[in-house]
Amino acid sequence: MSGRGTIRFRAMNTNVEIILDYAADEPRTTAFYADRARDWFEAVEQRFSRFRPDSEWSRLGRSAGSWVVVSDWLFEVIAAAESYRRLTAGVFDLRILPGLEASGYTESFEHAAAFQAGAGGAERRKLSPAGELELDYGMKAVKLAEGTSIDAGGIAKGWAVQKLADWLRRSRRIPAGIVNAGGDLYAWNSGDAAAQPAIIDLQHPWEAGATVGELLLANGAVATSGKLGRQWGTGSSAAHHLIDPLTMQPSVSDVVQATVAGPDAVACEIWAKTLCIAGRDQGLRLMDEHARDCEAVIFMSGGEIVKYGKSRKSGLEWNIREPLHRAGTAEARGRASSGSEIECEKEESA
């Protein structure tokens, strides 16, 4: 089989889109890959969701104060998160769950209309510099200090995208494709070097359904994070999901939305969030120290656009329309796509 297969479904409370360009000798159908992709995202959600009482993540939280031997998946994600906590000087931190809950984010986001700050008695408490989360790399065990609670929302989706893309291109040897989960995206093209790159629409920070340009990406990842996508409440009670660990409040930095492109979906997701939480100056200083293989486009609260990047990699090109005008609100995504049901669309040649 040769041709293209497109898969769309909903998972992890976001839209998932997968586009696969098959080799001529590909023995599997698009339906096969749709089933595997759906099963993968369901398994990740079952493992990491704080909204599922029986998830491994929830069970770990209930065991705070004791060492817990965890699965390879959980240990890999928590260890990566701890590494990024150090690289970002604490801007990215799994321990922000009390801040999320105190802001009202106590249920899955489809219930956002009912979110209320302080619901359920959640309290904002200052984080200690370290010591509330310990790792035993030999045993693959985790210990949360008593009273410590953590949230995987800032890393799990990018990790799921990267793992699935790696399986498709390395194990299944799919020559070219895209895995996109709500703007956390990985694209690859291992075939003809002259082949067209993926064209990724960049969502307008303030205008629903509008774009501000596009990113041309041959091989690599991109992620967008923003304060207006997962937002609830109005006026002075408005809140969003990007919690500043220093205050345990929704960030009030000068960055509204950030899109980061680089070699790895997890890194892009975390650096995009870091820019939004820390703000332009601190965020770019941290990236300049630890993420020089990434590039970024930052949308400031005043409407300015800031571009960052020293890698100048081939196969990566930003096309941004300027000037940018503020109007309305919008969900922040790295790629404009939608779909609420699984669709297996085939364009196959004999």
Protein backbone atom coordinates (compact mmCIF):
# COMPACT_ATOMS: atom_id res chain seq x y z
CA MET A 1 0.00 0.00 0.00
CA SER A 2 1.18 3.53 -0.74
CA GLY A 3 -0.50 6.86 -0.25
CA ARG A 4 -1.67 8.88 2.71
CA GLY A 5 -3.76 8.04 5.74
CA THR A 6 -5.35 10.60 8.05
CA ILE A 7 -6.60 9.73 11.52
CA ARG A 8 -8.62 12.04 13.77
CA PHE A 9 -10.06 11.41 17.20
CA ARG A 10 -10.35 12.98 20.62
CA ALA A 11 -8.17 12.01 23.59
CA MET A 12 -6.66 13.63 26.69
CA ASN A 13 -9.37 16.31 26.37
CA THR A 14 -7.98 17.55 23.06
CA ASN A 15 -8.14 16.86 19.32
CA VAL A 16 -5.63 14.37 17.95
CA GLU A 17 -4.68 14.33 14.28
CA ILE A 18 -2.22 11.90 12.69
CA ILE A 19 -1.16 12.05 9.05
CA LEU A 20 0.90 9.17 7.65
CA ASP A 21 2.60 8.92 4.25
CA TYR A 22 3.11 5.23 3.58
CA ALA A 23 5.86 3.41 1.72
CA ALA A 24 4.83 1.36 -1.31
CA ASP A 25 5.32 -1.91 0.60
CA GLU A 26 3.42 -0.87 3.76
CA PRO A 27 1.38 -3.96 4.79
CA ARG A 28 -0.90 -2.26 7.31
CA THR A 29 -4.02 -0.17 6.76
CA THR A 30 -4.90 3.23 8.17
CA ALA A 31 -7.50 1.52 10.37
CA PHE A 32 -4.69 -0.50 11.98
CA TYR A 33 -2.77 2.63 12.89
CA ALA A 34 -5.94 4.38 14.06
CA ASP A 35 -6.60 1.57 16.53
CA ARG A 36 -3.01 1.63 17.80
CA ALA A 37 -3.00 5.41 18.18
CA ARG A 38 -6.32 5.47 20.01
CA ASP A 39 -5.20 2.66 22.32
CA TRP A 40 -1.92 4.48 23.01
CA PHE A 41 -3.52 7.76 24.03
CA GLU A 42 -6.09 5.95 26.15
CA ALA A 43 -3.30 4.06 27.92
CA VAL A 44 -1.39 7.29 28.56
CA GLU A 45 -4.50 8.99 29.94
CA GLN A 46 -5.26 6.01 32.15
CA ARG A 47 -1.71 6.14 33.50
CA PHE A 48 -1.31 9.89 34.03
CA SER A 49 -4.71 11.54 34.53
CA ARG A 50 -5.31 13.17 37.91
CA PHE A 51 -9.04 13.05 37.14
CA ARG A 52 -9.15 9.24 37.16
CA PRO A 53 -9.02 7.89 40.73
CA ASP A 54 -7.67 4.53 39.49
CA SER A 55 -4.82 6.00 37.41
CA GLU A 56 -1.26 5.23 38.47
CA TRP A 57 -0.70 8.97 38.90
CA SER A 58 -3.62 9.23 41.35
CA ARG A 59 -2.46 6.17 43.27
CA LEU A 60 1.00 7.71 43.63
CA GLY A 61 -0.57 10.87 45.00
CA ARG A 62 -2.48 8.90 47.62
CA SER A 63 0.80 7.27 48.72
CA ALA A 64 2.56 10.53 49.62
CA GLY A 65 5.00 9.94 52.46
CA SER A 66 6.05 6.48 51.24
CA TRP A 67 8.36 5.13 48.58
CA VAL A 68 6.42 3.71 45.61
CA VAL A 69 7.88 1.56 42.83
CA VAL A 70 6.29 2.92 39.66
CA SER A 71 6.05 1.86 36.02
CA ASP A 72 8.75 2.70 33.50
CA TRP A 73 6.41 5.26 31.91
CA LEU A 74 5.73 7.09 35.14
CA PHE A 75 9.34 7.12 36.23
CA GLU A 76 10.52 8.38 32.84
CA VAL A 77 8.05 11.28 32.87
CA ILE A 78 8.69 12.29 36.48
CA ALA A 79 12.47 12.07 36.03
CA ALA A 80 12.26 14.22 32.88
CA ALA A 81 10.06 16.72 34.71
CA GLU A 82 12.56 16.98 37.56
CA SER A 83 15.36 17.57 35.05
CA TYR A 84 13.38 20.39 33.44
CA ARG A 85 12.57 21.83 36.87
CA ARG A 86 16.29 22.35 37.35
CA LEU A 87 16.88 23.65 33.81
CA THR A 88 14.04 26.17 34.12
CA ALA A 89 15.14 27.31 37.60
CA GLY A 90 11.86 26.05 39.02
CA VAL A 91 9.54 27.75 36.52
CA PHE A 92 8.33 24.32 35.39
CA ASP A 93 7.34 22.25 38.41
CA LEU A 94 5.01 19.27 38.78
CA ARG A 95 4.08 20.42 42.29
CA ILE A 96 1.75 23.21 41.13
CA LEU A 97 -1.38 21.09 41.59
CA PRO A 98 -2.50 22.95 44.76
CA GLY A 99 -2.34 26.19 42.78
CA LEU A 100 -4.45 24.71 39.98
CA GLU A 101 -7.04 23.42 42.41
CA ALA A 102 -7.14 26.65 44.41
CA SER A 103 -7.79 28.47 41.12
CA GLY A 104 -10.77 26.19 40.48
CA TYR A 105 -9.26 23.61 38.11
CA THR A 106 -10.57 20.61 40.03
CA GLU A 107 -12.25 18.70 37.19
CA SER A 108 -11.48 17.91 33.56
CA PHE A 109 -11.57 21.07 31.46
CA GLU A 110 -14.88 20.34 29.73
CA HIS A 111 -16.43 21.34 33.08
CA ALA A 112 -14.65 24.72 33.11
CA ALA A 113 -17.93 26.66 33.22
CA ALA A 114 -18.36 25.44 36.79
CA PHE A 115 -14.81 26.17 37.99
CA GLN A 116 -14.66 28.34 41.12
CA ALA A 117 -11.56 29.58 42.91
CA GLY A 118 -11.18 27.99 46.33
CA ALA A 119 -13.64 25.18 45.57
CA GLY A 120 -13.13 22.06 47.63
CA GLY A 121 -11.05 23.84 50.24
CA ALA A 122 -7.88 23.85 48.12
CA GLU A 123 -5.18 26.14 49.45
CA ARG A 124 -2.23 27.84 47.80
CA ARG A 125 0.97 27.05 49.64
CA LYS A 126 4.49 28.12 48.82
CA LEU A 127 6.73 25.42 47.39
CA SER A 128 10.02 24.51 49.02
CA PRO A 129 13.06 24.67 46.71
CA ALA A 130 13.42 20.87 46.65
CA GLY A 131 13.03 17.74 48.73
CA GLU A 132 9.29 17.20 48.33
CA LEU A 133 9.85 14.75 45.48
CA GLU A 134 12.57 12.10 45.65
CA LEU A 135 13.63 9.59 43.00
CA ASP A 136 15.42 6.25 43.33
CA TYR A 137 16.84 5.57 39.87
CA GLY A 138 17.94 2.04 40.71
CA MET A 139 14.56 0.91 42.00
CA LYS A 140 12.56 3.25 39.75
CA ALA A 141 10.74 4.44 42.82
CA VAL A 142 9.22 7.80 43.74
CA LYS A 143 8.57 9.35 47.13
CA LEU A 144 6.36 12.39 47.57
CA ALA A 145 6.61 14.20 50.87
CA GLU A 146 3.43 14.13 52.91
CA GLY A 147 1.09 16.85 51.69
CA THR A 148 2.76 17.06 48.27
CA SER A 149 0.58 16.71 45.17
CA ILE A 150 1.71 16.80 41.55
CA ASP A 151 0.16 17.30 38.11
CA ALA A 152 1.37 15.78 34.82
CA GLY A 153 -0.58 18.18 32.61
CA GLY A 154 2.50 20.16 31.61
CA ILE A 155 4.43 17.23 30.17
CA ALA A 156 2.32 14.11 29.53
CA LYS A 157 0.82 15.21 26.21
CA GLY A 158 4.16 16.10 24.63
CA TRP A 159 5.61 12.84 25.91
CA ALA A 160 2.73 10.86 24.39
CA VAL A 161 3.18 12.60 21.02
CA GLN A 162 6.94 11.99 20.97
CA LYS A 163 6.64 8.31 21.92
CA LEU A 164 4.00 7.57 19.29
CA ALA A 165 5.93 9.42 16.59
CA ASP A 166 9.11 7.51 17.50
CA TRP A 167 7.26 4.20 17.21
CA LEU A 168 5.75 5.09 13.85
CA ARG A 169 8.99 6.27 12.25
CA ARG A 170 11.47 3.88 13.88
CA SER A 171 9.60 0.65 14.58
CA ARG A 172 6.99 0.85 11.80
CA ARG A 173 9.31 2.73 9.42
CA ILE A 174 6.63 5.13 8.21
CA PRO A 175 8.65 7.43 5.89
CA ALA A 176 6.83 10.66 6.70
CA GLY A 177 4.10 11.80 9.02
CA ILE A 178 2.70 14.13 11.64
CA VAL A 179 1.38 13.39 15.13
CA ASN A 180 -0.51 16.35 16.57
CA ALA A 181 -2.32 16.43 19.92
CA GLY A 182 -3.86 19.82 20.53
CA GLY A 183 -0.85 21.72 19.22
CA ASP A 184 1.88 19.46 20.63
CA LEU A 185 3.19 18.14 17.35
CA TYR A 186 6.00 16.05 15.87
CA ALA A 187 6.67 15.84 12.13
CA TRP A 188 9.19 13.74 10.26
CA ASN A 189 10.26 13.04 6.69
CA SER A 190 12.94 10.40 6.24
CA GLY A 191 12.47 10.10 2.49
CA ASP A 192 13.46 12.45 -0.31
CA ALA A 193 15.35 15.41 1.13
CA ALA A 194 13.55 17.64 -1.38
CA ALA A 195 10.11 16.58 -0.15
CA GLN A 196 7.75 19.27 1.04
CA PRO A 197 7.84 20.03 4.80
CA ALA A 198 4.76 19.96 6.98
CA ILE A 199 2.87 23.25 6.99
CA ILE A 200 1.66 24.04 10.51
CA ASP A 201 -0.82 26.85 11.08
CA LEU A 202 -0.06 29.15 14.02
CA GLN A 203 -3.16 30.11 15.98
CA HIS A 204 -3.91 33.78 16.56
CA PRO A 205 -3.62 34.56 20.30
CA TRP A 206 -6.79 36.67 20.41
CA GLU A 207 -8.98 35.83 17.40
CA ALA A 208 -10.83 32.52 17.45
CA GLY A 209 -10.33 30.55 14.27
CA ALA A 210 -7.74 32.96 12.87
CA THR A 211 -4.07 32.29 12.22
CA VAL A 212 -1.03 34.56 12.36
CA GLY A 213 1.10 32.62 9.92
CA GLU A 214 2.64 29.22 9.53
CA LEU A 215 5.66 27.13 10.37
CA LEU A 216 7.30 24.93 7.75
CA LEU A 217 8.79 21.93 9.53
CA ALA A 218 10.49 18.97 7.87
CA ASN A 219 11.74 17.09 10.93
CA GLY A 220 11.15 18.03 14.53
CA ALA A 221 8.59 19.18 17.06
CA VAL A 222 6.53 22.24 17.83
CA ALA A 223 4.32 23.16 20.77
CA THR A 224 2.19 26.16 21.62
CA SER A 225 1.21 27.29 25.11
CA GLY A 226 -1.02 30.21 25.96
CA LYS A 227 -3.02 31.82 28.73
CA LEU A 228 -6.24 32.30 26.78
CA GLY A 229 -6.92 28.72 25.71
CA ARG A 230 -7.61 27.09 29.07
CA GLN A 231 -9.16 30.08 30.79
CA TRP A 232 -12.22 30.34 33.01
CA GLY A 233 -14.06 33.02 34.95
CA THR A 234 -14.47 36.63 33.87
CA GLY A 235 -13.13 40.02 34.83
CA SER A 236 -11.13 40.07 38.05
CA SER A 237 -11.98 36.40 38.67
CA ALA A 238 -10.53 35.20 35.35
CA ALA A 239 -7.94 32.44 35.74
CA HIS A 240 -5.93 30.09 33.53
CA HIS A 241 -3.97 26.86 33.86
CA LEU A 242 -0.40 28.21 33.70
CA ILE A 243 0.50 28.41 37.38
CA ASP A 244 3.57 30.33 38.52
CA PRO A 245 5.30 28.12 41.13
CA LEU A 246 6.61 31.21 42.94
CA THR A 247 3.13 32.51 43.73
CA MET A 248 0.99 29.41 43.08
CA GLN A 249 -1.30 31.80 41.17
CA PRO A 250 -2.02 31.92 37.42
CA SER A 251 0.94 33.65 35.77
CA VAL A 252 0.69 37.38 35.12
CA SER A 253 3.78 37.63 32.90
CA ASP A 254 4.04 39.77 29.76
CA VAL A 255 3.73 36.73 27.45
CA VAL A 256 0.27 35.70 26.23
CA GLN A 257 1.26 32.85 23.93
CA ALA A 258 4.48 31.13 22.92
CA THR A 259 5.26 28.64 20.17
CA VAL A 260 8.53 26.71 20.39
CA ALA A 261 10.05 24.49 17.70
CA GLY A 262 12.90 22.07 18.28
CA PRO A 263 14.02 18.44 18.10
CA ASP A 264 11.78 17.01 20.84
CA ALA A 265 8.08 17.42 21.66
CA VAL A 266 8.58 17.31 25.43
CA ALA A 267 11.21 20.04 25.33
CA CYS A 268 9.02 22.22 23.11
CA GLU A 269 6.00 21.81 25.39
CA ILE A 270 7.95 22.69 28.51
CA TRP A 271 9.84 25.66 27.04
CA ALA A 272 6.61 27.10 25.61
CA LYS A 273 5.05 26.93 29.08
CA THR A 274 8.20 28.36 30.66
CA LEU A 275 8.07 31.40 28.38
CA CYS A 276 4.42 32.03 29.25
CA ILE A 277 4.95 31.63 32.99
CA ALA A 278 8.30 33.39 33.43
CA GLY A 279 7.84 36.10 30.82
CA ARG A 280 10.01 37.14 27.91
CA ASP A 281 13.22 38.20 29.64
CA GLN A 282 13.65 35.35 32.10
CA GLY A 283 12.23 32.78 29.68
CA LEU A 284 14.59 33.69 26.86
CA ARG A 285 17.55 33.87 29.22
CA LEU A 286 16.82 30.31 30.35
CA MET A 287 16.38 29.12 26.77
CA ASP A 288 19.64 30.76 25.78
CA GLU A 289 21.38 28.79 28.53
CA HIS A 290 19.68 25.41 28.05
CA ALA A 291 17.71 25.24 24.77
CA ARG A 292 19.80 26.71 21.98
CA ASP A 293 18.58 23.97 19.65
CA CYS A 294 15.07 25.45 19.89
CA GLU A 295 13.45 28.46 18.24
CA ALA A 296 10.45 30.43 19.47
CA VAL A 297 7.84 32.97 18.49
CA ILE A 298 6.44 34.89 21.46
CA PHE A 299 3.24 36.93 21.46
CA MET A 300 3.37 39.72 24.03
CA SER A 301 0.42 41.13 25.96
CA GLY A 302 0.75 44.42 24.08
CA GLY A 303 0.56 42.74 20.68
CA GLU A 304 4.28 42.68 19.88
CA ILE A 305 5.88 39.59 18.37
CA VAL A 306 9.31 38.47 19.58
CA LYS A 307 11.30 35.88 17.64
CA TYR A 308 14.09 33.82 19.15
CA GLY A 309 16.46 31.31 17.62
CA LYS A 310 20.10 30.77 16.90
CA SER A 311 19.99 27.27 15.45
CA ARG A 312 18.79 28.25 11.98
CA LYS A 313 18.21 24.61 11.19
CA SER A 314 17.41 23.58 7.63
CA GLY A 315 13.83 22.44 7.21
CA LEU A 316 12.49 25.01 9.68
CA GLU A 317 10.96 28.26 8.49
CA TRP A 318 8.62 30.74 10.23
CA ASN A 319 6.22 32.83 8.16
CA ILE A 320 4.52 35.30 10.53
CA ARG A 321 2.15 38.03 9.42
CA GLU A 322 2.80 41.35 11.15
CA PRO A 323 1.64 43.60 12.67
CA LEU A 324 -0.56 41.64 15.03
CA HIS A 325 -3.78 43.20 16.28
CA ARG A 326 -5.47 42.26 19.53
CA ALA A 327 -9.13 41.31 19.29
CA GLY A 328 -11.21 38.75 21.13
CA THR A 329 -9.88 35.55 22.66
CA ALA A 330 -8.85 32.22 21.26
CA GLU A 331 -7.54 28.80 22.16
CA ALA A 332 -3.79 28.58 21.75
CA ARG A 333 -2.81 25.83 19.37
CA GLY A 334 0.21 25.08 17.25
CA ARG A 335 -1.84 23.63 14.41
CA ALA A 336 -5.37 24.46 13.36
CA SER A 337 -7.22 21.15 13.25
CA SER A 338 -10.37 19.71 14.73
CA GLY A 339 -12.41 16.53 14.91
CA SER A 340 -14.39 14.82 17.62
CA GLU A 341 -14.61 11.32 16.18
CA ILE A 342 -12.16 8.79 14.80
CA GLU A 343 -11.91 9.13 11.06
CA CYS A 344 -9.75 6.86 8.91
CA GLU A 345 -9.36 8.76 5.67
CA LYS A 346 -7.44 6.92 2.97
CA GLU A 347 -5.78 8.17 -0.17
CA GLU A 348 -4.21 4.97 -1.42
CA SER A 349 -2.76 4.00 -4.76
CA ALA A 350 -2.34 0.55 -6.10
